[in-house]
C-alpha atoms as a PDB file:
ATOM      1  CA  MET A   1      38.570  49.805 -16.729  1.00  0.00           C
ATOM      2  CA  ALA A   2      34.841  50.838 -15.792  1.00  0.00           C
ATOM      3  CA  GLU A   3      35.605  53.796 -18.785  1.00  0.00           C
ATOM      4  CA  ASN A   4      36.218  51.169 -21.113  1.00  0.00           C
ATOM      5  CA  LEU A   5      33.026  49.010 -19.781  1.00  0.00           C
ATOM      6  CA  THR A   6      30.914  52.056 -20.337  1.00  0.00           C
ATOM      7  CA  ARG A   7      32.365  53.052 -23.811  1.00  0.00           C
ATOM      8  CA  ALA A   8      32.039  49.439 -24.816  1.00  0.00           C
ATOM      9  CA  SER A   9      28.264  49.472 -23.938  1.00  0.00           C
ATOM     10  CA  THR A  10      27.384  52.682 -25.557  1.00  0.00           C
ATOM     11  CA  ARG A  11      28.821  51.597 -28.782  1.00  0.00           C
ATOM     12  CA  HIS A  12      26.468  50.992 -31.531  1.00  0.00           C
ATOM     13  CA  ASP A  13      28.277  48.902 -34.311  1.00  0.00           C
ATOM     14  CA  VAL A  14      28.601  45.099 -34.725  1.00  0.00           C
ATOM     15  CA  ASP A  15      30.953  44.635 -32.460  1.00  0.00           C
ATOM     16  CA  ALA A  16      29.171  45.682 -29.374  1.00  0.00           C
ATOM     17  CA  ALA A  17      25.670  44.713 -28.448  1.00  0.00           C
ATOM     18  CA  PRO A  18      23.060  47.192 -28.712  1.00  0.00           C
ATOM     19  CA  ASP A  19      21.190  48.304 -25.634  1.00  0.00           C
ATOM     20  CA  ASP A  20      17.460  47.126 -24.898  1.00  0.00           C
ATOM     21  CA  HIS A  21      15.808  50.804 -26.172  1.00  0.00           C
ATOM     22  CA  HIS A  22      18.347  50.860 -29.160  1.00  0.00           C
ATOM     23  CA  PRO A  23      18.710  47.294 -31.018  1.00  0.00           C
ATOM     24  CA  LEU A  24      20.174  47.419 -34.228  1.00  0.00           C
ATOM     25  CA  PRO A  25      18.080  45.805 -37.180  1.00  0.00           C
ATOM     26  CA  GLY A  26      19.555  42.796 -38.592  1.00  0.00           C
ATOM     27  CA  PRO A  27      19.033  40.084 -40.706  1.00  0.00           C
ATOM     28  CA  ASN A  28      16.325  37.500 -40.330  1.00  0.00           C
ATOM     29  CA  ILE A  29      18.116  33.600 -39.955  1.00  0.00           C
ATOM     30  CA  LEU A  30      16.630  30.577 -40.496  1.00  0.00           C
ATOM     31  CA  LEU A  31      18.309  28.355 -37.907  1.00  0.00           C
ATOM     32  CA  VAL A  32      18.542  24.349 -38.530  1.00  0.00           C
ATOM     33  CA  GLU A  33      19.970  23.176 -35.143  1.00  0.00           C
ATOM     34  CA  ASP A  34      18.760  19.698 -33.297  1.00  0.00           C
ATOM     35  CA  ARG A  35      20.229  20.726 -29.721  1.00  0.00           C
ATOM     36  CA  GLU A  36      17.510  22.889 -27.733  1.00  0.00           C
ATOM     37  CA  SER A  37      20.020  24.579 -25.860  1.00  0.00           C
ATOM     38  CA  VAL A  38      21.720  25.955 -28.709  1.00  0.00           C
ATOM     39  CA  VAL A  39      18.197  27.097 -30.126  1.00  0.00           C
ATOM     40  CA  ARG A  40      17.637  29.063 -26.993  1.00  0.00           C
ATOM     41  CA  LEU A  41      21.215  30.431 -26.534  1.00  0.00           C
ATOM     42  CA  LEU A  42      21.387  31.686 -30.037  1.00  0.00           C
ATOM     43  CA  ALA A  43      17.364  33.088 -29.745  1.00  0.00           C
ATOM     44  CA  VAL A  44      18.180  34.879 -26.406  1.00  0.00           C
ATOM     45  CA  GLY A  45      21.630  36.232 -27.723  1.00  0.00           C
ATOM     46  CA  PHE A  46      20.296  37.539 -31.447  1.00  0.00           C
ATOM     47  CA  ASP A  47      17.391  39.139 -29.585  1.00  0.00           C
ATOM     48  CA  TYR A  48      19.601  40.976 -27.739  1.00  0.00           C
ATOM     49  CA  MET A  49      21.907  42.256 -30.684  1.00  0.00           C
ATOM     50  CA  GLY A  50      19.171  42.960 -33.020  1.00  0.00           C
ATOM     51  CA  LEU A  51      19.239  39.911 -34.877  1.00  0.00           C
ATOM     52  CA  THR A  52      16.023  37.589 -35.588  1.00  0.00           C
ATOM     53  CA  LEU A  53      16.035  34.077 -35.489  1.00  0.00           C
ATOM     54  CA  ASN A  54      12.937  32.970 -37.212  1.00  0.00           C
ATOM     55  CA  PRO A  55      11.919  30.256 -38.136  1.00  0.00           C
ATOM     56  CA  VAL A  56      13.512  27.339 -36.360  1.00  0.00           C
ATOM     57  CA  PHE A  57      13.600  23.693 -37.369  1.00  0.00           C
ATOM     58  CA  GLY A  58      14.916  20.803 -35.406  1.00  0.00           C
ATOM     59  CA  SER A  59      16.462  18.908 -38.361  1.00  0.00           C
ATOM     60  CA  GLY A  60      17.142  18.850 -41.968  1.00  0.00           C
ATOM     61  CA  GLN A  61      14.130  16.890 -43.511  1.00  0.00           C
ATOM     62  CA  THR A  62      11.893  18.970 -41.526  1.00  0.00           C
ATOM     63  CA  LEU A  63      12.891  21.989 -43.144  1.00  0.00           C
ATOM     64  CA  LEU A  64      12.678  20.554 -46.753  1.00  0.00           C
ATOM     65  CA  ASP A  65       9.080  19.180 -46.057  1.00  0.00           C
ATOM     66  CA  HIS A  66       8.172  22.941 -45.126  1.00  0.00           C
ATOM     67  CA  LEU A  67       9.870  23.823 -48.738  1.00  0.00           C
ATOM     68  CA  ASP A  68       7.756  21.243 -50.479  1.00  0.00           C
ATOM     69  CA  THR A  69       4.611  23.210 -49.455  1.00  0.00           C
ATOM     70  CA  GLU A  70       5.862  26.783 -48.472  1.00  0.00           C
ATOM     71  CA  ASP A  71       8.194  29.236 -49.018  1.00  0.00           C
ATOM     72  CA  LEU A  72      10.591  31.140 -46.864  1.00  0.00           C
ATOM     73  CA  PRO A  73       9.669  34.827 -47.256  1.00  0.00           C
ATOM     74  CA  GLY A  74      11.529  37.163 -45.360  1.00  0.00           C
ATOM     75  CA  VAL A  75      14.349  34.974 -44.543  1.00  0.00           C
ATOM     76  CA  ASP A  76      17.563  36.765 -45.148  1.00  0.00           C
ATOM     77  CA  LEU A  77      20.302  33.770 -44.572  1.00  0.00           C
ATOM     78  CA  PHE A  78      20.345  30.269 -43.272  1.00  0.00           C
ATOM     79  CA  LEU A  79      22.379  29.236 -40.143  1.00  0.00           C
ATOM     80  CA  ILE A  80      22.857  25.471 -40.443  1.00  0.00           C
ATOM     81  CA  ASP A  81      24.630  22.970 -38.018  1.00  0.00           C
ATOM     82  CA  ILE A  82      26.575  20.211 -39.920  1.00  0.00           C
ATOM     83  CA  LYS A  83      25.606  17.816 -37.341  1.00  0.00           C
ATOM     84  CA  LEU A  84      22.127  17.104 -37.734  1.00  0.00           C
ATOM     85  CA  PRO A  85      19.975  13.934 -36.506  1.00  0.00           C
ATOM     86  CA  ASP A  86      18.965  12.803 -40.185  1.00  0.00           C
ATOM     87  CA  ILE A  87      20.395  14.802 -42.950  1.00  0.00           C
ATOM     88  CA  ASP A  88      23.843  16.484 -42.261  1.00  0.00           C
ATOM     89  CA  GLY A  89      23.932  20.155 -42.974  1.00  0.00           C
ATOM     90  CA  VAL A  90      26.499  20.062 -45.640  1.00  0.00           C
ATOM     91  CA  GLU A  91      24.089  17.815 -47.550  1.00  0.00           C
ATOM     92  CA  LEU A  92      20.939  19.685 -46.500  1.00  0.00           C
ATOM     93  CA  LEU A  93      22.493  22.803 -48.172  1.00  0.00           C
ATOM     94  CA  ARG A  94      23.691  20.961 -51.177  1.00  0.00           C
ATOM     95  CA  ARG A  95      19.737  19.910 -51.627  1.00  0.00           C
ATOM     96  CA  LEU A  96      18.918  23.503 -50.968  1.00  0.00           C
ATOM     97  CA  ARG A  97      21.036  24.614 -53.565  1.00  0.00           C
ATOM     98  CA  ALA A  98      19.840  21.881 -56.197  1.00  0.00           C
ATOM     99  CA  ARG A  99      16.841  23.686 -55.554  1.00  0.00           C
ATOM    100  CA  GLY A 100      17.727  26.681 -56.497  1.00  0.00           C
ATOM    101  CA  GLU A 101      18.053  28.382 -53.335  1.00  0.00           C
ATOM    102  CA  LYS A 102      20.338  31.112 -53.090  1.00  0.00           C
ATOM    103  CA  ARG A 103      20.351  33.122 -50.106  1.00  0.00           C
ATOM    104  CA  PRO A 104      23.569  33.191 -48.087  1.00  0.00           C
ATOM    105  CA  ALA A 105      24.447  30.348 -45.882  1.00  0.00           C
ATOM    106  CA  ALA A 106      26.351  29.543 -42.831  1.00  0.00           C
ATOM    107  CA  LEU A 107      27.259  26.013 -41.623  1.00  0.00           C
ATOM    108  CA  ILE A 108      28.269  25.849 -37.605  1.00  0.00           C
ATOM    109  CA  SER A 109      29.666  23.154 -35.934  1.00  0.00           C
ATOM    110  CA  ALA A 110      31.971  21.617 -33.062  1.00  0.00           C
ATOM    111  CA  TRP A 111      34.101  19.543 -35.387  1.00  0.00           C
ATOM    112  CA  ALA A 112      36.299  19.992 -38.178  1.00  0.00           C
ATOM    113  CA  PRO A 113      34.788  22.378 -41.334  1.00  0.00           C
ATOM    114  CA  PRO A 114      34.104  21.065 -44.570  1.00  0.00           C
ATOM    115  CA  ALA A 115      36.628  21.520 -47.086  1.00  0.00           C
ATOM    116  CA  ARG A 116      37.255  25.042 -48.560  1.00  0.00           C
ATOM    117  CA  LYS A 117      36.237  23.181 -51.711  1.00  0.00           C
ATOM    118  CA  VAL A 118      32.851  22.155 -50.145  1.00  0.00           C
ATOM    119  CA  LEU A 119      32.553  25.837 -49.032  1.00  0.00           C
ATOM    120  CA  GLN A 120      32.886  27.197 -52.473  1.00  0.00           C
ATOM    121  CA  GLU A 121      30.906  25.131 -53.845  1.00  0.00           C
ATOM    122  CA  LEU A 122      27.649  25.641 -51.688  1.00  0.00           C
ATOM    123  CA  ASP A 123      29.052  29.079 -51.878  1.00  0.00           C
ATOM    124  CA  ALA A 124      28.959  29.310 -47.806  1.00  0.00           C
ATOM    125  CA  ILE A 125      30.761  30.332 -45.024  1.00  0.00           C
ATOM    126  CA  TYR A 126      31.870  28.295 -41.757  1.00  0.00           C
ATOM    127  CA  LEU A 127      31.838  29.040 -38.191  1.00  0.00           C
ATOM    128  CA  ALA A 128      33.158  26.909 -35.025  1.00  0.00           C
ATOM    129  CA  LYS A 129      31.322  26.614 -31.773  1.00  0.00           C
ATOM    130  CA  PRO A 130      31.456  27.440 -29.396  1.00  0.00           C
ATOM    131  CA  PHE A 131      30.182  30.615 -30.326  1.00  0.00           C
ATOM    132  CA  HIS A 132      31.308  34.183 -29.223  1.00  0.00           C
ATOM    133  CA  LEU A 133      28.010  35.678 -30.143  1.00  0.00           C
ATOM    134  CA  PRO A 134      29.219  39.377 -30.747  1.00  0.00           C
ATOM    135  CA  HIS A 135      31.751  37.517 -33.478  1.00  0.00           C
ATOM    136  CA  LEU A 136      28.700  35.156 -34.823  1.00  0.00           C
ATOM    137  CA  ALA A 137      26.582  38.493 -34.814  1.00  0.00           C
ATOM    138  CA  ARG A 138      28.919  40.463 -37.039  1.00  0.00           C
ATOM    139  CA  GLU A 139      30.193  37.767 -39.171  1.00  0.00           C
ATOM    140  CA  LEU A 140      26.202  36.916 -39.956  1.00  0.00           C
ATOM    141  CA  ARG A 141      25.398  40.472 -40.395  1.00  0.00           C
ATOM    142  CA  HIS A 142      28.218  40.827 -42.726  1.00  0.00           C
ATOM    143  CA  LEU A 143      26.956  37.960 -44.880  1.00  0.00           C
ATOM    144  CA  ALA A 144      23.751  39.214 -45.068  1.00  0.00           C
ATOM    145  CA  ALA A 145      24.799  42.466 -46.348  1.00  0.00           C
ATOM    146  CA  SER A 146      27.168  41.261 -48.786  1.00  0.00           C
ATOM    147  CA  ARG A 147      25.931  41.378 -52.372  1.00  0.00           C
ATOM    148  CA  SER A 148      28.909  39.298 -53.859  1.00  0.00           C
ATOM    149  CA  ARG A 149      29.636  36.562 -51.267  1.00  0.00           C
ATOM    150  CA  THR A 150      33.401  35.078 -51.339  1.00  0.00           C
ATOM    151  CA  PRO A 151      33.154  31.774 -49.789  1.00  0.00           C
ATOM    152  CA  GLN A 152      35.424  31.771 -47.144  1.00  0.00           C
ATOM    153  CA  ALA A 153      35.880  29.619 -43.582  1.00  0.00           C
ATOM    154  CA  ALA A 154      35.560  31.737 -40.505  1.00  0.00           C
ATOM    155  CA  MET A 155      36.649  30.370 -37.723  1.00  0.00           C
ATOM    156  CA  SER A 156      35.483  32.176 -34.594  1.00  0.00           C
ATOM    157  CA  ALA A 157      37.895  33.751 -32.073  1.00  0.00           C
END
């Protein structure tokens, strides 16, 4: 058992979290999430796994208002909660796509996923809460790295 733990802790691929001295560089993720506890969990977990969570918006309207005056340089992908206090995540992503936004996107929720047709129309994937952070990091790395994204419903294990 100890041998397995040692082997897993020294792996440097997306299935295992990197150690503090050799983090794997990862995508810069824009998060839209209203629950502070989820934001904190993702910030700590992503930092440990070499992903960057910046910027973070607490509502869809806040993001849209920001985009009215500023661009989002350096953002590689969007991670958007479906259940937001103002605009739901599906509608937010529709509005982003209507503005010409083409960056990869993942919709997240503890609720049922959007229909496959909706995910295809939005060129997005779905990831279920609660998260298994290594799986979430792997999916987001894959999403950011893929040049020709194929929409699909990716359910967390």
